[in-house]
Amino acid sequence: MSIETADPGHGHSPAAWTAVTIMLIAFTIGTVAFFFDAQWLVWASAGLLVVGAIVGWVLARAGYGVGGSKVAEKAH
């Protein structure tokens, strides 16, 4: 008995990579700012984290997400 499941793509798309990159940068900046007690920069990095999520969502809606019209699927 064989059960086949569709691979959801696991976020291998330009939208996902862009969002994660922005969020990792924001998290890194926030961590360093927290260490140096720069509260305004911690909050600014939290805002950048939200921007990263929004950018990912916008790019996915524009066709750059998994299975999007502007993404060439790779064979594994």
C-alpha atoms as a PDB file:
ATOM      1  CA  MET A   1       0.000   0.000   0.000  1.00  0.00           C
ATOM      2  CA  SER A   2       1.505   3.307  -1.081  1.00  0.00           C
ATOM      3  CA  ILE A   3       0.353   6.702   0.088  1.00  0.00           C
ATOM      4  CA  GLU A   4       1.513   9.586  -2.044  1.00  0.00           C
ATOM      5  CA  THR A   5       1.569  13.060  -0.567  1.00  0.00           C
ATOM      6  CA  ALA A   6       2.124  16.277  -2.423  1.00  0.00           C
ATOM      7  CA  ASP A   7       5.251  18.176  -1.485  1.00  0.00           C
ATOM      8  CA  PRO A   8       4.141  21.632  -0.283  1.00  0.00           C
ATOM      9  CA  GLY A   9       7.447  23.144  -1.415  1.00  0.00           C
ATOM     10  CA  HIS A  10       8.655  24.054   2.080  1.00  0.00           C
ATOM     11  CA  GLY A  11       9.001  27.707   1.173  1.00  0.00           C
ATOM     12  CA  HIS A  12      11.496  27.316  -1.662  1.00  0.00           C
ATOM     13  CA  SER A  13      10.426  30.481  -3.444  1.00  0.00           C
ATOM     14  CA  PRO A  14      11.692  34.015  -3.969  1.00  0.00           C
ATOM     15  CA  ALA A  15       8.938  35.318  -1.674  1.00  0.00           C
ATOM     16  CA  ALA A  16       9.948  33.028   1.183  1.00  0.00           C
ATOM     17  CA  TRP A  17      13.676  33.639   0.794  1.00  0.00           C
ATOM     18  CA  THR A  18      13.208  37.407   0.690  1.00  0.00           C
ATOM     19  CA  ALA A  19      10.936  37.431   3.741  1.00  0.00           C
ATOM     20  CA  VAL A  20      13.231  35.184   5.772  1.00  0.00           C
ATOM     21  CA  THR A  21      16.328  37.208   4.834  1.00  0.00           C
ATOM     22  CA  ILE A  22      14.690  40.474   5.928  1.00  0.00           C
ATOM     23  CA  MET A  23      13.487  38.860   9.154  1.00  0.00           C
ATOM     24  CA  LEU A  24      16.906  37.373   9.949  1.00  0.00           C
ATOM     25  CA  ILE A  25      18.532  40.776   9.462  1.00  0.00           C
ATOM     26  CA  ALA A  26      15.883  42.354  11.708  1.00  0.00           C
ATOM     27  CA  PHE A  27      16.396  39.700  14.380  1.00  0.00           C
ATOM     28  CA  THR A  28      20.183  40.144  14.269  1.00  0.00           C
ATOM     29  CA  ILE A  29      19.933  43.921  14.553  1.00  0.00           C
ATOM     30  CA  GLY A  30      17.421  43.580  17.386  1.00  0.00           C
ATOM     31  CA  THR A  31      19.635  41.157  19.284  1.00  0.00           C
ATOM     32  CA  VAL A  32      22.698  43.396  19.033  1.00  0.00           C
ATOM     33  CA  ALA A  33      20.618  46.468  19.930  1.00  0.00           C
ATOM     34  CA  PHE A  34      19.202  44.669  22.973  1.00  0.00           C
ATOM     35  CA  PHE A  35      22.721  43.765  24.088  1.00  0.00           C
ATOM     36  CA  PHE A  36      23.822  47.410  23.835  1.00  0.00           C
ATOM     37  CA  ASP A  37      20.581  48.638  25.475  1.00  0.00           C
ATOM     38  CA  ALA A  38      19.417  50.678  22.460  1.00  0.00           C
ATOM     39  CA  GLN A  39      15.659  50.459  22.984  1.00  0.00           C
ATOM     40  CA  TRP A  40      14.733  52.548  19.962  1.00  0.00           C
ATOM     41  CA  LEU A  41      16.713  50.202  17.701  1.00  0.00           C
ATOM     42  CA  VAL A  42      15.129  47.126  19.283  1.00  0.00           C
ATOM     43  CA  TRP A  43      11.688  48.532  18.439  1.00  0.00           C
ATOM     44  CA  ALA A  44      12.831  49.572  14.958  1.00  0.00           C
ATOM     45  CA  SER A  45      14.041  46.028  14.318  1.00  0.00           C
ATOM     46  CA  ALA A  46      10.676  44.701  15.529  1.00  0.00           C
ATOM     47  CA  GLY A  47       9.073  46.958  12.929  1.00  0.00           C
ATOM     48  CA  LEU A  48      11.460  45.609  10.287  1.00  0.00           C
ATOM     49  CA  LEU A  49      10.422  42.095  11.283  1.00  0.00           C
ATOM     50  CA  VAL A  50       6.803  42.986  10.499  1.00  0.00           C
ATOM     51  CA  VAL A  51       7.914  44.580   7.210  1.00  0.00           C
ATOM     52  CA  GLY A  52       9.623  41.306   6.272  1.00  0.00           C
ATOM     53  CA  ALA A  53       6.413  39.364   6.837  1.00  0.00           C
ATOM     54  CA  ILE A  54       4.431  41.851   4.766  1.00  0.00           C
ATOM     55  CA  VAL A  55       6.998  41.778   1.936  1.00  0.00           C
ATOM     56  CA  GLY A  56       6.782  37.974   1.849  1.00  0.00           C
ATOM     57  CA  TRP A  57       3.006  38.081   1.709  1.00  0.00           C
ATOM     58  CA  VAL A  58       2.984  40.731  -1.055  1.00  0.00           C
ATOM     59  CA  LEU A  59       5.517  38.795  -3.145  1.00  0.00           C
ATOM     60  CA  ALA A  60       3.526  35.576  -2.712  1.00  0.00           C
ATOM     61  CA  ARG A  61       0.363  37.359  -3.852  1.00  0.00           C
ATOM     62  CA  ALA A  62       2.303  38.764  -6.839  1.00  0.00           C
ATOM     63  CA  GLY A  63       3.115  35.231  -8.012  1.00  0.00           C
ATOM     64  CA  TYR A  64       6.545  34.682  -6.467  1.00  0.00           C
ATOM     65  CA  GLY A  65       5.400  32.203  -3.819  1.00  0.00           C
ATOM     66  CA  VAL A  66       5.422  28.389  -3.925  1.00  0.00           C
ATOM     67  CA  GLY A  67       3.499  27.352  -7.015  1.00  0.00           C
ATOM     68  CA  GLY A  68       3.243  30.974  -8.170  1.00  0.00           C
ATOM     69  CA  SER A  69       2.897  31.939 -11.800  1.00  0.00           C
ATOM     70  CA  LYS A  70       6.299  33.644 -11.885  1.00  0.00           C
ATOM     71  CA  VAL A  71       8.311  30.840 -10.290  1.00  0.00           C
ATOM     72  CA  ALA A  72       9.959  28.065 -12.301  1.00  0.00           C
ATOM     73  CA  GLU A  73       9.573  24.793 -10.410  1.00  0.00           C
ATOM     74  CA  LYS A  74      12.712  22.651 -10.091  1.00  0.00           C
ATOM     75  CA  ALA A  75      12.604  18.887 -10.370  1.00  0.00           C
ATOM     76  CA  HIS A  76      14.096  17.104  -7.345  1.00  0.00           C
END
